[in-house]
């Protein structure tokens, strides 16, 4: 039996599930926030404005399960837990930083396009060119 290559466009392929998980907004922000320094849970929560405790917990567990972050328990009083990047996530961070840079660099143009579209200018331009 021939093994099929991973293909995110095939519904039954496990790569689709991974792709969906790593392309989520919270996943991307968590990975980016752990790129340079390990962080504790509350540090992550403060860094990522708007994320709930429940969503952060779920995402951290998923990322740990996939091997994209490392969870380290530090023996102290009280016990501390720290999250950090892994070798697997370092390669992904190159791609995610490109996406982050593109988004931040393009936001003004995108917002202008949104304003044009929302005001009906785009529809008017389409009608004129037809």
N, C-alpha and C. Protein backbone atom coordinates (compact mmCIF):
# COMPACT_ATOMS: atom_id res chain seq x y z
N UNK A 1 0.83 -1.18 0.00
CA UNK A 1 0.00 0.00 0.00
C UNK A 1 0.88 1.25 0.00
N UNK A 2 0.58 2.18 -0.88
CA UNK A 2 1.36 3.40 -1.02
C UNK A 2 0.98 4.42 0.04
N UNK A 3 2.00 5.01 0.68
CA UNK A 3 1.75 6.05 1.68
C UNK A 3 1.50 7.38 0.97
N UNK A 4 0.47 8.07 1.39
CA UNK A 4 0.16 9.37 0.81
C UNK A 4 0.97 10.46 1.50
N UNK A 5 1.34 11.46 0.72
CA UNK A 5 2.05 12.60 1.28
C UNK A 5 1.08 13.46 2.08
N UNK A 6 1.55 14.08 3.16
CA UNK A 6 0.68 14.99 3.91
C UNK A 6 0.13 16.08 2.99
N UNK A 7 -1.16 16.39 3.16
CA UNK A 7 -1.81 17.37 2.31
C UNK A 7 -2.94 18.03 3.11
N UNK A 8 -2.78 19.29 3.44
CA UNK A 8 -3.78 19.98 4.28
C UNK A 8 -5.12 20.14 3.59
N UNK A 9 -5.16 19.95 2.28
CA UNK A 9 -6.42 20.09 1.55
C UNK A 9 -7.27 18.82 1.60
N UNK A 10 -6.70 17.74 2.14
CA UNK A 10 -7.44 16.48 2.29
C UNK A 10 -7.99 16.45 3.71
N UNK A 11 -9.30 16.32 3.82
CA UNK A 11 -9.98 16.41 5.11
C UNK A 11 -9.46 15.41 6.13
N UNK A 12 -9.16 14.20 5.72
CA UNK A 12 -8.75 13.15 6.65
C UNK A 12 -7.26 13.23 7.03
N UNK A 13 -6.52 14.11 6.40
CA UNK A 13 -5.07 14.18 6.67
C UNK A 13 -4.82 14.87 8.01
N UNK A 14 -4.01 14.25 8.88
CA UNK A 14 -3.72 14.85 10.19
C UNK A 14 -3.01 16.21 10.09
N UNK A 15 -2.35 16.47 8.97
CA UNK A 15 -1.68 17.76 8.82
C UNK A 15 -2.68 18.91 8.81
N UNK A 16 -3.92 18.64 8.39
CA UNK A 16 -4.95 19.69 8.39
C UNK A 16 -5.24 20.16 9.81
N UNK A 17 -5.34 19.22 10.73
CA UNK A 17 -5.61 19.55 12.13
C UNK A 17 -4.47 20.38 12.72
N UNK A 18 -3.24 19.99 12.43
CA UNK A 18 -2.08 20.74 12.92
C UNK A 18 -2.07 22.14 12.32
N UNK A 19 -2.33 22.22 11.02
CA UNK A 19 -2.36 23.51 10.33
C UNK A 19 -3.40 24.43 10.97
N UNK A 20 -4.58 23.89 11.23
CA UNK A 20 -5.64 24.69 11.86
C UNK A 20 -5.21 25.16 13.25
N UNK A 21 -4.54 24.29 13.98
CA UNK A 21 -4.13 24.64 15.34
C UNK A 21 -3.06 25.73 15.34
N UNK A 22 -2.05 25.59 14.49
CA UNK A 22 -0.96 26.57 14.52
C UNK A 22 -1.32 27.88 13.83
N UNK A 23 -2.40 27.89 13.05
CA UNK A 23 -2.79 29.12 12.38
C UNK A 23 -3.80 29.93 13.18
N UNK A 24 -4.17 29.45 14.36
CA UNK A 24 -5.10 30.20 15.20
C UNK A 24 -4.43 31.44 15.78
N UNK A 25 -5.21 32.52 15.93
CA UNK A 25 -4.62 33.78 16.39
C UNK A 25 -3.95 33.66 17.75
N UNK A 26 -4.57 32.92 18.68
CA UNK A 26 -3.99 32.82 20.02
C UNK A 26 -2.70 32.00 19.99
N UNK A 27 -2.70 30.93 19.21
CA UNK A 27 -1.49 30.11 19.08
C UNK A 27 -0.32 30.94 18.57
N UNK A 28 -0.57 31.71 17.53
CA UNK A 28 0.48 32.54 16.94
C UNK A 28 1.00 33.54 17.96
N UNK A 29 0.09 34.19 18.67
CA UNK A 29 0.52 35.19 19.65
C UNK A 29 1.28 34.57 20.82
N UNK A 30 0.86 33.39 21.25
CA UNK A 30 1.58 32.70 22.33
C UNK A 30 2.99 32.37 21.88
N UNK A 31 3.12 31.78 20.70
CA UNK A 31 4.45 31.40 20.21
C UNK A 31 5.34 32.62 20.04
N UNK A 32 4.80 33.70 19.47
CA UNK A 32 5.59 34.92 19.31
C UNK A 32 6.02 35.51 20.65
N UNK A 33 5.15 35.45 21.64
CA UNK A 33 5.50 36.02 22.94
C UNK A 33 6.53 35.19 23.70
N UNK A 34 6.69 33.92 23.31
CA UNK A 34 7.68 33.05 23.97
C UNK A 34 9.01 32.99 23.20
N UNK A 35 9.08 33.69 22.08
CA UNK A 35 10.26 33.57 21.22
C UNK A 35 11.57 33.96 21.91
N UNK A 36 11.58 35.06 22.59
CA UNK A 36 12.85 35.57 23.15
C UNK A 36 13.11 35.16 24.59
N UNK A 37 12.05 34.90 25.33
CA UNK A 37 12.24 34.61 26.75
C UNK A 37 11.14 33.70 27.28
N UNK A 38 11.49 32.80 28.17
CA UNK A 38 10.45 31.99 28.82
C UNK A 38 9.54 32.90 29.65
N UNK A 39 8.29 32.49 29.78
CA UNK A 39 7.34 33.30 30.55
C UNK A 39 6.46 32.40 31.41
N UNK A 40 6.01 32.96 32.50
CA UNK A 40 5.05 32.27 33.36
C UNK A 40 3.65 32.58 32.85
N UNK A 41 2.67 31.82 33.33
CA UNK A 41 1.30 31.92 32.85
C UNK A 41 0.78 33.36 32.91
N UNK A 42 0.90 34.00 34.08
CA UNK A 42 0.36 35.35 34.23
C UNK A 42 1.09 36.38 33.37
N UNK A 43 2.38 36.15 33.12
CA UNK A 43 3.11 37.03 32.21
C UNK A 43 2.54 36.93 30.80
N UNK A 44 2.26 35.70 30.38
CA UNK A 44 1.66 35.48 29.05
C UNK A 44 0.29 36.17 28.98
N UNK A 45 -0.49 35.99 30.02
CA UNK A 45 -1.84 36.57 30.04
C UNK A 45 -1.78 38.10 29.94
N UNK A 46 -0.81 38.71 30.61
CA UNK A 46 -0.65 40.16 30.55
C UNK A 46 -0.12 40.61 29.19
N UNK A 47 0.77 39.82 28.60
CA UNK A 47 1.37 40.15 27.31
C UNK A 47 0.35 40.09 26.19
N UNK A 48 -0.54 39.09 26.24
CA UNK A 48 -1.50 38.86 25.15
C UNK A 48 -2.84 39.44 25.57
N UNK A 49 -3.02 40.70 25.28
CA UNK A 49 -4.22 41.42 25.67
C UNK A 49 -5.47 40.75 25.10
N UNK A 50 -6.45 40.48 25.97
CA UNK A 50 -7.73 39.95 25.51
C UNK A 50 -7.90 38.45 25.60
N UNK A 51 -6.84 37.71 25.89
CA UNK A 51 -6.96 36.25 25.99
C UNK A 51 -7.50 35.89 27.37
N UNK A 52 -8.45 34.95 27.40
CA UNK A 52 -8.99 34.53 28.69
C UNK A 52 -8.09 33.45 29.30
N UNK A 53 -8.25 33.26 30.58
CA UNK A 53 -7.46 32.24 31.29
C UNK A 53 -7.73 30.85 30.69
N UNK A 54 -9.00 30.57 30.42
CA UNK A 54 -9.39 29.27 29.86
C UNK A 54 -8.76 29.03 28.49
N UNK A 55 -8.84 30.02 27.62
CA UNK A 55 -8.29 29.89 26.26
C UNK A 55 -6.77 29.76 26.32
N UNK A 56 -6.13 30.53 27.18
CA UNK A 56 -4.68 30.44 27.32
C UNK A 56 -4.28 29.04 27.80
N UNK A 57 -4.98 28.54 28.79
CA UNK A 57 -4.69 27.19 29.32
C UNK A 57 -4.85 26.14 28.23
N UNK A 58 -5.96 26.19 27.50
CA UNK A 58 -6.20 25.21 26.43
C UNK A 58 -5.12 25.26 25.36
N UNK A 59 -4.74 26.47 24.96
CA UNK A 59 -3.72 26.62 23.93
C UNK A 59 -2.35 26.16 24.41
N UNK A 60 -2.00 26.47 25.65
CA UNK A 60 -0.71 26.04 26.19
C UNK A 60 -0.64 24.51 26.23
N UNK A 61 -1.70 23.86 26.64
CA UNK A 61 -1.72 22.39 26.67
C UNK A 61 -1.55 21.81 25.28
N UNK A 62 -2.26 22.38 24.33
CA UNK A 62 -2.18 21.91 22.94
C UNK A 62 -0.77 22.10 22.37
N UNK A 63 -0.18 23.26 22.62
CA UNK A 63 1.17 23.54 22.12
C UNK A 63 2.20 22.63 22.78
N UNK A 64 2.02 22.36 24.06
CA UNK A 64 2.93 21.44 24.75
C UNK A 64 2.79 20.03 24.17
N UNK A 65 1.56 19.60 23.94
CA UNK A 65 1.30 18.27 23.38
C UNK A 65 1.96 18.11 22.01
N UNK A 66 1.92 19.19 21.20
CA UNK A 66 2.52 19.16 19.86
C UNK A 66 4.04 19.33 19.89
N UNK A 67 4.60 19.62 21.04
CA UNK A 67 6.05 19.79 21.15
C UNK A 67 6.53 21.17 20.71
N UNK A 68 5.60 22.14 20.65
CA UNK A 68 5.97 23.48 20.22
C UNK A 68 6.37 24.39 21.38
N UNK A 69 5.99 24.01 22.59
CA UNK A 69 6.47 24.73 23.77
C UNK A 69 6.86 23.71 24.84
N UNK A 70 7.67 24.16 25.75
CA UNK A 70 8.12 23.33 26.86
C UNK A 70 7.54 23.92 28.14
N UNK A 71 6.96 23.07 28.96
CA UNK A 71 6.42 23.47 30.26
C UNK A 71 7.39 22.98 31.32
N UNK A 72 7.93 23.91 32.11
CA UNK A 72 8.92 23.55 33.12
C UNK A 72 8.39 23.95 34.50
N UNK A 73 8.34 22.97 35.40
CA UNK A 73 7.92 23.22 36.77
C UNK A 73 9.16 23.52 37.60
N UNK A 74 9.15 24.67 38.26
CA UNK A 74 10.29 25.11 39.06
C UNK A 74 9.94 24.89 40.53
N UNK A 75 10.75 24.07 41.18
CA UNK A 75 10.51 23.77 42.59
C UNK A 75 10.87 24.97 43.45
N UNK A 76 9.87 25.59 43.97
CA UNK A 76 10.04 26.73 44.87
C UNK A 76 8.75 26.85 45.67
N UNK A 77 8.72 27.78 46.56
CA UNK A 77 7.50 28.05 47.33
C UNK A 77 6.98 29.41 46.93
N UNK A 78 5.85 29.58 46.30
CA UNK A 78 5.03 28.51 45.72
C UNK A 78 5.69 27.96 44.45
N UNK A 79 5.21 26.82 44.00
CA UNK A 79 5.74 26.19 42.78
C UNK A 79 5.47 27.12 41.60
N UNK A 80 6.45 27.27 40.73
CA UNK A 80 6.32 28.12 39.55
C UNK A 80 6.34 27.25 38.30
N UNK A 81 5.59 27.66 37.32
CA UNK A 81 5.57 26.98 36.03
C UNK A 81 5.96 27.99 34.97
N UNK A 82 6.88 27.58 34.10
CA UNK A 82 7.41 28.47 33.07
C UNK A 82 7.25 27.81 31.71
N UNK A 83 6.92 28.60 30.70
CA UNK A 83 6.75 28.10 29.33
C UNK A 83 7.83 28.71 28.45
N UNK A 84 8.34 27.91 27.51
CA UNK A 84 9.37 28.41 26.60
C UNK A 84 9.25 27.74 25.24
N UNK A 85 9.94 28.32 24.27
CA UNK A 85 9.98 27.78 22.91
C UNK A 85 10.79 26.50 22.87
N UNK A 86 10.53 25.68 21.87
CA UNK A 86 11.32 24.47 21.63
C UNK A 86 12.03 24.61 20.28
N UNK A 87 12.91 23.67 19.97
CA UNK A 87 13.58 23.68 18.67
C UNK A 87 12.58 23.62 17.53
N UNK A 88 11.51 22.87 17.73
CA UNK A 88 10.48 22.73 16.70
C UNK A 88 9.79 24.07 16.43
N UNK A 89 9.54 24.85 17.47
CA UNK A 89 8.84 26.12 17.26
C UNK A 89 9.75 27.21 16.71
N UNK A 90 11.06 27.09 16.88
CA UNK A 90 11.99 28.12 16.38
C UNK A 90 11.86 28.27 14.87
N UNK A 91 11.79 27.16 14.15
CA UNK A 91 11.62 27.21 12.68
C UNK A 91 10.30 27.87 12.32
N UNK A 92 9.25 27.51 13.02
CA UNK A 92 7.93 28.08 12.78
C UNK A 92 7.93 29.58 13.08
N UNK A 93 8.67 30.00 14.07
CA UNK A 93 8.71 31.42 14.45
C UNK A 93 9.25 32.29 13.32
N UNK A 94 10.13 31.76 12.49
CA UNK A 94 10.61 32.51 11.34
C UNK A 94 9.46 32.88 10.42
N UNK A 95 8.58 31.94 10.19
CA UNK A 95 7.40 32.16 9.35
C UNK A 95 6.43 33.11 10.05
N UNK A 96 6.18 32.88 11.32
CA UNK A 96 5.22 33.70 12.06
C UNK A 96 5.67 35.15 12.19
N UNK A 97 6.98 35.36 12.36
CA UNK A 97 7.49 36.73 12.42
C UNK A 97 7.30 37.43 11.09
N UNK A 98 7.46 36.70 9.99
CA UNK A 98 7.19 37.28 8.68
C UNK A 98 5.74 37.70 8.55
N UNK A 99 4.84 36.87 9.02
CA UNK A 99 3.40 37.18 9.00
C UNK A 99 3.10 38.38 9.89
N UNK A 100 3.69 38.41 11.08
CA UNK A 100 3.50 39.53 12.01
C UNK A 100 4.01 40.83 11.38
N UNK A 101 5.21 40.79 10.79
CA UNK A 101 5.79 41.99 10.18
C UNK A 101 4.94 42.47 9.00
N UNK A 102 4.47 41.54 8.18
CA UNK A 102 3.63 41.90 7.04
C UNK A 102 2.33 42.55 7.53
N UNK A 103 1.71 41.96 8.56
CA UNK A 103 0.46 42.48 9.09
C UNK A 103 0.64 43.89 9.64
N UNK A 104 1.66 44.08 10.46
CA UNK A 104 1.91 45.40 11.04
C UNK A 104 2.30 46.42 9.97
N UNK A 105 3.04 45.98 8.95
CA UNK A 105 3.45 46.88 7.87
C UNK A 105 2.33 47.22 6.90
N UNK A 106 1.33 46.38 6.81
CA UNK A 106 0.23 46.58 5.85
C UNK A 106 -1.04 47.12 6.47
N UNK A 107 -1.07 47.29 7.78
CA UNK A 107 -2.33 47.63 8.46
C UNK A 107 -2.95 48.92 7.96
N UNK A 108 -2.15 49.95 7.68
CA UNK A 108 -2.72 51.23 7.22
C UNK A 108 -3.42 51.06 5.88
N UNK A 109 -2.79 50.37 4.96
CA UNK A 109 -3.40 50.14 3.65
C UNK A 109 -4.66 49.29 3.77
N UNK A 110 -4.61 48.28 4.58
CA UNK A 110 -5.77 47.40 4.77
C UNK A 110 -6.93 48.18 5.38
N UNK A 111 -6.65 49.00 6.37
CA UNK A 111 -7.71 49.81 6.98
C UNK A 111 -8.31 50.80 5.99
N UNK A 112 -7.47 51.39 5.13
CA UNK A 112 -7.98 52.29 4.07
C UNK A 112 -8.87 51.51 3.12
N UNK A 113 -8.44 50.30 2.75
CA UNK A 113 -9.26 49.46 1.87
C UNK A 113 -10.59 49.12 2.52
N UNK A 114 -10.57 48.84 3.82
CA UNK A 114 -11.81 48.56 4.56
C UNK A 114 -12.76 49.75 4.50
N UNK A 115 -12.20 50.95 4.72
CA UNK A 115 -13.02 52.16 4.69
C UNK A 115 -13.65 52.36 3.31
N UNK A 116 -12.85 52.18 2.26
CA UNK A 116 -13.38 52.31 0.90
C UNK A 116 -14.49 51.31 0.65
N UNK A 117 -14.25 50.09 1.01
CA UNK A 117 -15.23 49.03 0.79
C UNK A 117 -16.52 49.32 1.55
N UNK A 118 -16.36 49.67 2.83
CA UNK A 118 -17.52 49.92 3.68
C UNK A 118 -18.33 51.14 3.23
N UNK A 119 -17.68 52.09 2.59
CA UNK A 119 -18.38 53.29 2.14
C UNK A 119 -18.99 53.11 0.75
N UNK A 120 -18.75 51.97 0.12
CA UNK A 120 -19.34 51.70 -1.18
C UNK A 120 -18.49 52.15 -2.35
N UNK A 121 -17.31 52.74 -2.09
CA UNK A 121 -16.45 53.22 -3.17
C UNK A 121 -16.01 52.07 -4.06
N UNK A 122 -15.72 50.93 -3.49
CA UNK A 122 -15.26 49.78 -4.27
C UNK A 122 -16.34 49.34 -5.24
N UNK A 123 -17.59 49.24 -4.77
CA UNK A 123 -18.69 48.83 -5.64
C UNK A 123 -18.87 49.83 -6.77
N UNK A 124 -18.74 51.11 -6.45
CA UNK A 124 -18.88 52.17 -7.46
C UNK A 124 -17.81 52.05 -8.51
N UNK A 125 -16.56 51.75 -8.09
CA UNK A 125 -15.46 51.59 -9.04
C UNK A 125 -15.68 50.36 -9.93
N UNK A 126 -16.24 49.31 -9.38
CA UNK A 126 -16.51 48.09 -10.17
C UNK A 126 -17.58 48.39 -11.21
N UNK A 127 -18.64 49.09 -10.80
CA UNK A 127 -19.71 49.43 -11.76
C UNK A 127 -19.18 50.29 -12.89
N UNK A 128 -18.30 51.25 -12.59
CA UNK A 128 -17.75 52.14 -13.61
C UNK A 128 -16.88 51.38 -14.60
N UNK A 129 -16.14 50.37 -14.11
CA UNK A 129 -15.23 49.64 -14.99
C UNK A 129 -15.95 48.56 -15.79
N UNK A 130 -17.19 48.27 -15.48
CA UNK A 130 -17.94 47.22 -16.19
C UNK A 130 -18.54 47.72 -17.48
